[in-house]
Amino acid sequence: MKPKLRLYLFHLGVINLKMDKSQKKVLKNKFREEKREHEVASQLWAIREGQIRQVSRIDKTILEQWTDQQLERKIIDYVFNQFSQAGKRPTHQNVQEWERSILLQLPLGIQTVFATYLFESDLSLNGSFWDFFYQNNGAFTLETLKGYQLMQNEEMITILQQCIGAYLKMKRTGEIVEAMGAPHHWELDEDYYISINQESFDELDVKYQLEEKEFLNKLIKKKQAFIRSNIELFETKN
């Protein structure tokens, strides 16, 4: 029996069981299928890493070459490239603190697009505003709020303020703790956000789900217009 298959069967807890030929065949096929899936995933990730490495700088000429559909993704690729180039994370910082420290060194426009992307991607993938705070991405809340303020997106400012208030209320009552032990270090007036909060995460989600497609399309178009109108906020030094 091949070593990798033996290890696979060991983890399944069946290595010491007597199996008939049909059982062995099923397990072998499952092993091969999972191996193929892993290989495909590895190949796709290698392609993605190559795309990220290609975006090593941003300037007016480069931005003008990108289509509207490419704008956000390319800027996100640039940020991930910077994370990759930053080297090894210091042991005294968790991943979110480390990534945030790198992000804050980048041009303001890039900070804005990346932080709001985290908020919107959690929303589009999971359909819940709460997920942004459940995931460690909540560490980027201040940058997300500042981003929507910079873009003058009043609708998203109001929504995020309500989310912050709802989160802080749950935290103060002990209903939740900071996700996975990742500190957020929010420098904001917690009492203010709690006082203006009028909607729970469930209530916010219901409103969003009623107009999900239109809502996301509006966000995309506003962000594209912001980037095109503020190219100087995205130009990098490298």
C-alpha atoms as a PDB file:
ATOM      1  CA  MET A   1       0.000   0.000   0.000  1.00  0.00           C
ATOM      2  CA  LYS A   2       1.371   3.446  -0.921  1.00  0.00           C
ATOM      3  CA  PRO A   3       2.526   5.587   2.048  1.00  0.00           C
ATOM      4  CA  LYS A   4       0.131   8.495   1.341  1.00  0.00           C
ATOM      5  CA  LEU A   5      -2.830   6.150   1.020  1.00  0.00           C
ATOM      6  CA  ARG A   6      -1.777   4.347   4.202  1.00  0.00           C
ATOM      7  CA  LEU A   7      -1.665   7.672   6.060  1.00  0.00           C
ATOM      8  CA  TYR A   8      -5.064   8.647   4.647  1.00  0.00           C
ATOM      9  CA  LEU A   9      -6.603   5.393   5.825  1.00  0.00           C
ATOM     10  CA  PHE A  10      -4.953   5.782   9.206  1.00  0.00           C
ATOM     11  CA  HIS A  11      -6.640   9.160   9.689  1.00  0.00           C
ATOM     12  CA  LEU A  12      -9.945   7.598   8.732  1.00  0.00           C
ATOM     13  CA  GLY A  13      -9.402   5.093  11.499  1.00  0.00           C
ATOM     14  CA  VAL A  14      -9.715   2.097   9.206  1.00  0.00           C
ATOM     15  CA  ILE A  15      -6.119   1.016   8.691  1.00  0.00           C
ATOM     16  CA  ASN A  16      -6.424  -1.879  11.121  1.00  0.00           C
ATOM     17  CA  LEU A  17      -9.846  -3.026  10.018  1.00  0.00           C
ATOM     18  CA  LYS A  18     -10.366  -5.896   7.671  1.00  0.00           C
ATOM     19  CA  MET A  19     -11.991  -4.551   4.527  1.00  0.00           C
ATOM     20  CA  ASP A  20     -13.391  -6.325   1.545  1.00  0.00           C
ATOM     21  CA  LYS A  21     -12.334  -5.321  -1.951  1.00  0.00           C
ATOM     22  CA  SER A  22     -15.322  -3.034  -2.537  1.00  0.00           C
ATOM     23  CA  GLN A  23     -14.579  -1.033   0.645  1.00  0.00           C
ATOM     24  CA  LYS A  24     -10.935  -0.668  -0.330  1.00  0.00           C
ATOM     25  CA  LYS A  25     -11.938   0.467  -3.800  1.00  0.00           C
ATOM     26  CA  VAL A  26     -14.276   3.156  -2.431  1.00  0.00           C
ATOM     27  CA  LEU A  27     -11.569   4.486  -0.106  1.00  0.00           C
ATOM     28  CA  LYS A  28      -8.920   4.446  -2.818  1.00  0.00           C
ATOM     29  CA  ASN A  29     -11.224   6.371  -5.170  1.00  0.00           C
ATOM     30  CA  LYS A  30     -11.975   8.907  -2.449  1.00  0.00           C
ATOM     31  CA  PHE A  31      -8.267   9.330  -1.796  1.00  0.00           C
ATOM     32  CA  ARG A  32      -7.549   9.907  -5.490  1.00  0.00           C
ATOM     33  CA  GLU A  33     -10.444  12.370  -5.800  1.00  0.00           C
ATOM     34  CA  GLU A  34      -9.285  14.424  -2.827  1.00  0.00           C
ATOM     35  CA  LYS A  35      -5.722  14.374  -4.164  1.00  0.00           C
ATOM     36  CA  ARG A  36      -6.929  15.714  -7.534  1.00  0.00           C
ATOM     37  CA  GLU A  37      -8.951  18.442  -5.808  1.00  0.00           C
ATOM     38  CA  HIS A  38      -5.880  19.458  -3.805  1.00  0.00           C
ATOM     39  CA  GLU A  39      -3.746  19.573  -6.951  1.00  0.00           C
ATOM     40  CA  VAL A  40      -6.330  21.710  -8.777  1.00  0.00           C
ATOM     41  CA  ALA A  41      -6.559  24.067  -5.800  1.00  0.00           C
ATOM     42  CA  SER A  42      -2.759  24.350  -5.707  1.00  0.00           C
ATOM     43  CA  GLN A  43      -2.640  25.152  -9.409  1.00  0.00           C
ATOM     44  CA  LEU A  44      -5.339  27.830  -9.083  1.00  0.00           C
ATOM     45  CA  TRP A  45      -3.561  29.398  -6.115  1.00  0.00           C
ATOM     46  CA  ALA A  46      -0.278  29.462  -8.065  1.00  0.00           C
ATOM     47  CA  ILE A  47      -2.059  31.365 -10.846  1.00  0.00           C
ATOM     48  CA  ARG A  48      -3.554  33.765  -8.294  1.00  0.00           C
ATOM     49  CA  GLU A  49      -0.161  34.377  -6.697  1.00  0.00           C
ATOM     50  CA  GLY A  50       1.238  35.171 -10.132  1.00  0.00           C
ATOM     51  CA  GLN A  51      -1.507  37.752 -10.695  1.00  0.00           C
ATOM     52  CA  ILE A  52      -0.759  39.343  -7.316  1.00  0.00           C
ATOM     53  CA  ARG A  53       2.982  39.575  -8.000  1.00  0.00           C
ATOM     54  CA  GLN A  54       2.307  41.409 -11.266  1.00  0.00           C
ATOM     55  CA  VAL A  55       0.846  44.435  -9.457  1.00  0.00           C
ATOM     56  CA  SER A  56       3.977  45.872  -7.845  1.00  0.00           C
ATOM     57  CA  ARG A  57       3.203  49.571  -8.307  1.00  0.00           C
ATOM     58  CA  ILE A  58       0.349  51.904  -9.167  1.00  0.00           C
ATOM     59  CA  ASP A  59       0.523  55.194 -11.039  1.00  0.00           C
ATOM     60  CA  LYS A  60      -1.694  57.322 -13.277  1.00  0.00           C
ATOM     61  CA  THR A  61      -0.721  55.488 -16.468  1.00  0.00           C
ATOM     62  CA  ILE A  62      -1.342  52.055 -14.971  1.00  0.00           C
ATOM     63  CA  LEU A  63      -4.696  53.056 -13.478  1.00  0.00           C
ATOM     64  CA  GLU A  64      -5.882  54.451 -16.792  1.00  0.00           C
ATOM     65  CA  GLN A  65      -5.007  51.162 -18.491  1.00  0.00           C
ATOM     66  CA  TRP A  66      -7.198  49.144 -16.143  1.00  0.00           C
ATOM     67  CA  THR A  67     -10.856  48.690 -17.017  1.00  0.00           C
ATOM     68  CA  ASP A  68     -13.532  49.654 -14.481  1.00  0.00           C
ATOM     69  CA  GLN A  69     -14.038  45.956 -13.765  1.00  0.00           C
ATOM     70  CA  GLN A  70     -10.324  45.511 -12.996  1.00  0.00           C
ATOM     71  CA  LEU A  71      -9.838  48.554 -10.764  1.00  0.00           C
ATOM     72  CA  GLU A  72     -10.715  47.183  -7.336  1.00  0.00           C
ATOM     73  CA  ARG A  73      -9.230  43.717  -7.890  1.00  0.00           C
ATOM     74  CA  LYS A  74      -5.912  45.128  -9.096  1.00  0.00           C
ATOM     75  CA  ILE A  75      -5.654  47.485  -6.124  1.00  0.00           C
ATOM     76  CA  ILE A  76      -6.418  44.586  -3.766  1.00  0.00           C
ATOM     77  CA  ASP A  77      -3.709  42.550  -5.535  1.00  0.00           C
ATOM     78  CA  TYR A  78      -1.243  45.370  -4.899  1.00  0.00           C
ATOM     79  CA  VAL A  79      -2.029  45.298  -1.164  1.00  0.00           C
ATOM     80  CA  PHE A  80      -1.606  41.516  -0.965  1.00  0.00           C
ATOM     81  CA  ASN A  81       1.672  41.907  -2.834  1.00  0.00           C
ATOM     82  CA  GLN A  82       2.806  44.360  -0.149  1.00  0.00           C
ATOM     83  CA  PHE A  83       1.851  41.885   2.577  1.00  0.00           C
ATOM     84  CA  SER A  84       3.900  39.249   0.779  1.00  0.00           C
ATOM     85  CA  GLN A  85       6.906  41.550   0.352  1.00  0.00           C
ATOM     86  CA  ALA A  86       6.844  42.606   4.011  1.00  0.00           C
ATOM     87  CA  GLY A  87       8.544  39.422   5.126  1.00  0.00           C
ATOM     88  CA  LYS A  88       7.948  37.546   8.346  1.00  0.00           C
ATOM     89  CA  ARG A  89       5.389  38.793  10.843  1.00  0.00           C
ATOM     90  CA  PRO A  90       6.813  39.876  14.233  1.00  0.00           C
ATOM     91  CA  THR A  91       5.924  37.435  16.985  1.00  0.00           C
ATOM     92  CA  HIS A  92       4.413  40.174  19.161  1.00  0.00           C
ATOM     93  CA  GLN A  93       1.773  41.043  16.542  1.00  0.00           C
ATOM     94  CA  ASN A  94      -1.215  38.999  15.446  1.00  0.00           C
ATOM     95  CA  VAL A  95      -1.938  38.766  11.718  1.00  0.00           C
ATOM     96  CA  GLN A  96      -4.521  41.575  11.743  1.00  0.00           C
ATOM     97  CA  GLU A  97      -2.303  44.029  13.605  1.00  0.00           C
ATOM     98  CA  TRP A  98       0.596  43.243  11.293  1.00  0.00           C
ATOM     99  CA  GLU A  99      -1.437  43.609   8.071  1.00  0.00           C
ATOM    100  CA  ARG A 100      -3.017  46.825   9.377  1.00  0.00           C
ATOM    101  CA  SER A 101       0.426  48.305  10.123  1.00  0.00           C
ATOM    102  CA  ILE A 102       1.464  47.599   6.521  1.00  0.00           C
ATOM    103  CA  LEU A 103      -1.791  48.960   5.076  1.00  0.00           C
ATOM    104  CA  LEU A 104      -1.418  52.251   6.971  1.00  0.00           C
ATOM    105  CA  GLN A 105       1.896  52.867   5.197  1.00  0.00           C
ATOM    106  CA  LEU A 106       0.206  52.781   1.779  1.00  0.00           C
ATOM    107  CA  PRO A 107      -1.476  55.704  -0.036  1.00  0.00           C
ATOM    108  CA  LEU A 108      -4.808  56.786   1.420  1.00  0.00           C
ATOM    109  CA  GLY A 109      -6.839  55.725  -1.612  1.00  0.00           C
ATOM    110  CA  ILE A 110      -5.441  52.200  -1.427  1.00  0.00           C
ATOM    111  CA  GLN A 111      -6.273  52.006   2.291  1.00  0.00           C
ATOM    112  CA  THR A 112      -9.825  53.068   1.472  1.00  0.00           C
ATOM    113  CA  VAL A 113     -10.386  50.517  -1.286  1.00  0.00           C
ATOM    114  CA  PHE A 114      -8.869  47.634   0.674  1.00  0.00           C
ATOM    115  CA  ALA A 115     -10.730  48.293   3.934  1.00  0.00           C
ATOM    116  CA  THR A 116     -14.114  48.752   2.254  1.00  0.00           C
ATOM    117  CA  TYR A 117     -13.424  45.685   0.117  1.00  0.00           C
ATOM    118  CA  LEU A 118     -13.082  43.572   3.281  1.00  0.00           C
ATOM    119  CA  PHE A 119     -16.425  44.821   4.552  1.00  0.00           C
ATOM    120  CA  GLU A 120     -18.233  44.343   1.251  1.00  0.00           C
ATOM    121  CA  SER A 121     -16.699  40.951   0.441  1.00  0.00           C
ATOM    122  CA  ASP A 122     -17.803  39.525   3.792  1.00  0.00           C
ATOM    123  CA  LEU A 123     -21.257  40.911   3.068  1.00  0.00           C
ATOM    124  CA  SER A 124     -21.500  39.521  -0.464  1.00  0.00           C
ATOM    125  CA  LEU A 125     -20.123  36.100   0.507  1.00  0.00           C
ATOM    126  CA  ASN A 126     -22.123  35.583   3.683  1.00  0.00           C
ATOM    127  CA  GLY A 127     -25.041  38.012   3.406  1.00  0.00           C
ATOM    128  CA  SER A 128     -24.576  39.331   6.927  1.00  0.00           C
ATOM    129  CA  PHE A 129     -23.087  42.538   8.312  1.00  0.00           C
ATOM    130  CA  TRP A 130     -22.198  40.624  11.461  1.00  0.00           C
ATOM    131  CA  ASP A 131     -19.704  38.474   9.593  1.00  0.00           C
ATOM    132  CA  PHE A 132     -17.326  41.434   9.217  1.00  0.00           C
ATOM    133  CA  PHE A 133     -17.028  41.552  13.002  1.00  0.00           C
ATOM    134  CA  TYR A 134     -17.110  37.808  13.552  1.00  0.00           C
ATOM    135  CA  GLN A 135     -14.135  37.472  11.271  1.00  0.00           C
ATOM    136  CA  ASN A 136     -10.884  39.138  12.289  1.00  0.00           C
ATOM    137  CA  ASN A 137     -11.497  41.722   9.572  1.00  0.00           C
ATOM    138  CA  GLY A 138     -13.261  43.718  12.291  1.00  0.00           C
ATOM    139  CA  ALA A 139      -9.774  44.966  13.106  1.00  0.00           C
ATOM    140  CA  PHE A 140     -10.049  47.211  10.010  1.00  0.00           C
ATOM    141  CA  THR A 141     -13.291  48.885  11.115  1.00  0.00           C
ATOM    142  CA  LEU A 142     -11.808  52.373  11.565  1.00  0.00           C
ATOM    143  CA  GLU A 143     -10.197  52.298   8.117  1.00  0.00           C
ATOM    144  CA  THR A 144     -13.484  51.125   6.601  1.00  0.00           C
ATOM    145  CA  LEU A 145     -15.430  53.961   8.230  1.00  0.00           C
ATOM    146  CA  LYS A 146     -12.800  56.527   7.192  1.00  0.00           C
ATOM    147  CA  GLY A 147     -12.925  55.070   3.686  1.00  0.00           C
ATOM    148  CA  TYR A 148     -16.657  55.579   3.293  1.00  0.00           C
ATOM    149  CA  GLN A 149     -16.286  59.080   4.726  1.00  0.00           C
ATOM    150  CA  LEU A 150     -13.566  59.853   2.176  1.00  0.00           C
ATOM    151  CA  MET A 151     -15.800  58.539  -0.605  1.00  0.00           C
ATOM    152  CA  GLN A 152     -18.703  60.561   0.842  1.00  0.00           C
ATOM    153  CA  ASN A 153     -20.880  57.461   0.759  1.00  0.00           C
ATOM    154  CA  GLU A 154     -23.465  58.591   3.326  1.00  0.00           C
ATOM    155  CA  GLU A 155     -25.526  55.408   3.062  1.00  0.00           C
ATOM    156  CA  MET A 156     -22.577  53.191   3.981  1.00  0.00           C
ATOM    157  CA  ILE A 157     -21.422  55.563   6.724  1.00  0.00           C
ATOM    158  CA  THR A 158     -24.843  55.239   8.374  1.00  0.00           C
ATOM    159  CA  ILE A 159     -24.918  51.450   7.966  1.00  0.00           C
ATOM    160  CA  LEU A 160     -21.426  50.965   9.363  1.00  0.00           C
ATOM    161  CA  GLN A 161     -22.133  53.272  12.296  1.00  0.00           C
ATOM    162  CA  GLN A 162     -25.189  51.159  13.112  1.00  0.00           C
ATOM    163  CA  CYS A 163     -23.058  47.997  12.822  1.00  0.00           C
ATOM    164  CA  ILE A 164     -20.432  49.407  15.167  1.00  0.00           C
ATOM    165  CA  GLY A 165     -23.091  50.342  17.710  1.00  0.00           C
ATOM    166  CA  ALA A 166     -24.730  46.916  17.495  1.00  0.00           C
ATOM    167  CA  TYR A 167     -21.365  45.181  17.925  1.00  0.00           C
ATOM    168  CA  LEU A 168     -20.365  47.314  20.923  1.00  0.00           C
ATOM    169  CA  LYS A 169     -23.720  46.695  22.623  1.00  0.00           C
ATOM    170  CA  MET A 170     -23.265  42.933  22.292  1.00  0.00           C
ATOM    171  CA  LYS A 171     -19.704  43.193  23.528  1.00  0.00           C
ATOM    172  CA  ARG A 172     -20.649  45.231  26.605  1.00  0.00           C
ATOM    173  CA  THR A 173     -23.402  42.851  27.624  1.00  0.00           C
ATOM    174  CA  GLY A 174     -20.987  39.929  27.326  1.00  0.00           C
ATOM    175  CA  GLU A 175     -23.026  38.346  24.531  1.00  0.00           C
ATOM    176  CA  ILE A 176     -19.866  38.204  22.438  1.00  0.00           C
ATOM    177  CA  VAL A 177     -16.132  38.587  22.871  1.00  0.00           C
ATOM    178  CA  GLU A 178     -13.633  39.857  20.334  1.00  0.00           C
ATOM    179  CA  ALA A 179     -13.462  37.302  17.556  1.00  0.00           C
ATOM    180  CA  MET A 180     -10.792  34.660  18.070  1.00  0.00           C
ATOM    181  CA  GLY A 181      -8.963  36.860  20.571  1.00  0.00           C
ATOM    182  CA  ALA A 182      -7.864  39.421  17.978  1.00  0.00           C
ATOM    183  CA  PRO A 183      -7.885  42.887  19.607  1.00  0.00           C
ATOM    184  CA  HIS A 184      -9.395  45.678  17.541  1.00  0.00           C
ATOM    185  CA  HIS A 185      -7.814  48.719  19.206  1.00  0.00           C
ATOM    186  CA  TRP A 186     -10.608  51.000  18.071  1.00  0.00           C
ATOM    187  CA  GLU A 187      -9.932  54.615  18.903  1.00  0.00           C
ATOM    188  CA  LEU A 188     -13.500  55.857  18.936  1.00  0.00           C
ATOM    189  CA  ASP A 189     -16.182  57.059  21.324  1.00  0.00           C
ATOM    190  CA  GLU A 190     -17.943  53.791  22.142  1.00  0.00           C
ATOM    191  CA  ASP A 191     -20.701  55.520  24.124  1.00  0.00           C
ATOM    192  CA  TYR A 192     -21.594  57.629  21.077  1.00  0.00           C
ATOM    193  CA  TYR A 193     -21.977  54.663  18.736  1.00  0.00           C
ATOM    194  CA  ILE A 194     -24.012  52.753  21.285  1.00  0.00           C
ATOM    195  CA  SER A 195     -26.287  55.767  21.792  1.00  0.00           C
ATOM    196  CA  ILE A 196     -27.040  56.192  18.067  1.00  0.00           C
ATOM    197  CA  ASN A 197     -27.595  52.491  17.435  1.00  0.00           C
ATOM    198  CA  GLN A 198     -31.198  51.699  16.549  1.00  0.00           C
ATOM    199  CA  GLU A 199     -30.925  48.465  14.550  1.00  0.00           C
ATOM    200  CA  SER A 200     -29.570  45.034  15.356  1.00  0.00           C
ATOM    201  CA  PHE A 201     -27.492  43.011  12.902  1.00  0.00           C
ATOM    202  CA  ASP A 202     -30.566  40.923  12.058  1.00  0.00           C
ATOM    203  CA  GLU A 203     -32.585  44.043  11.213  1.00  0.00           C
ATOM    204  CA  LEU A 204     -29.766  45.435   9.072  1.00  0.00           C
ATOM    205  CA  ASP A 205     -29.434  42.107   7.258  1.00  0.00           C
ATOM    206  CA  VAL A 206     -33.144  42.004   6.402  1.00  0.00           C
ATOM    207  CA  LYS A 207     -32.946  45.442   4.777  1.00  0.00           C
ATOM    208  CA  TYR A 208     -29.837  44.458   2.837  1.00  0.00           C
ATOM    209  CA  GLN A 209     -31.243  41.149   1.609  1.00  0.00           C
ATOM    210  CA  LEU A 210     -34.320  42.872   0.160  1.00  0.00           C
ATOM    211  CA  GLU A 211     -32.166  44.807  -2.293  1.00  0.00           C
ATOM    212  CA  GLU A 212     -28.946  42.804  -2.323  1.00  0.00           C
ATOM    213  CA  LYS A 213     -28.127  42.962  -6.037  1.00  0.00           C
ATOM    214  CA  GLU A 214     -28.954  46.651  -6.435  1.00  0.00           C
ATOM    215  CA  PHE A 215     -27.081  47.451  -3.224  1.00  0.00           C
ATOM    216  CA  LEU A 216     -23.827  45.790  -4.335  1.00  0.00           C
ATOM    217  CA  ASN A 217     -24.033  47.294  -7.822  1.00  0.00           C
ATOM    218  CA  LYS A 218     -24.310  50.773  -6.319  1.00  0.00           C
ATOM    219  CA  LEU A 219     -21.246  50.156  -4.155  1.00  0.00           C
ATOM    220  CA  ILE A 220     -19.199  48.990  -7.133  1.00  0.00           C
ATOM    221  CA  LYS A 221     -20.123  51.978  -9.312  1.00  0.00           C
ATOM    222  CA  LYS A 222     -19.471  54.503  -6.537  1.00  0.00           C
ATOM    223  CA  LYS A 223     -16.066  53.005  -5.841  1.00  0.00           C
ATOM    224  CA  GLN A 224     -15.096  53.000  -9.516  1.00  0.00           C
ATOM    225  CA  ALA A 225     -16.075  56.670  -9.799  1.00  0.00           C
ATOM    226  CA  PHE A 226     -14.091  57.499  -6.654  1.00  0.00           C
ATOM    227  CA  ILE A 227     -10.937  55.859  -7.991  1.00  0.00           C
ATOM    228  CA  ARG A 228     -11.195  57.530 -11.401  1.00  0.00           C
ATOM    229  CA  SER A 229     -11.738  60.951  -9.794  1.00  0.00           C
ATOM    230  CA  ASN A 230      -8.923  60.641  -7.246  1.00  0.00           C
ATOM    231  CA  ILE A 231      -6.020  59.004  -9.049  1.00  0.00           C
ATOM    232  CA  GLU A 232      -3.471  60.997  -7.018  1.00  0.00           C
ATOM    233  CA  LEU A 233      -4.604  59.145  -3.861  1.00  0.00           C
ATOM    234  CA  PHE A 234      -3.498  55.817  -5.342  1.00  0.00           C
ATOM    235  CA  GLU A 235      -0.059  56.499  -6.800  1.00  0.00           C
ATOM    236  CA  THR A 236       2.672  54.529  -5.050  1.00  0.00           C
ATOM    237  CA  LYS A 237       6.336  55.397  -4.501  1.00  0.00           C
ATOM    238  CA  ASN A 238       7.745  52.077  -5.717  1.00  0.00           C
END
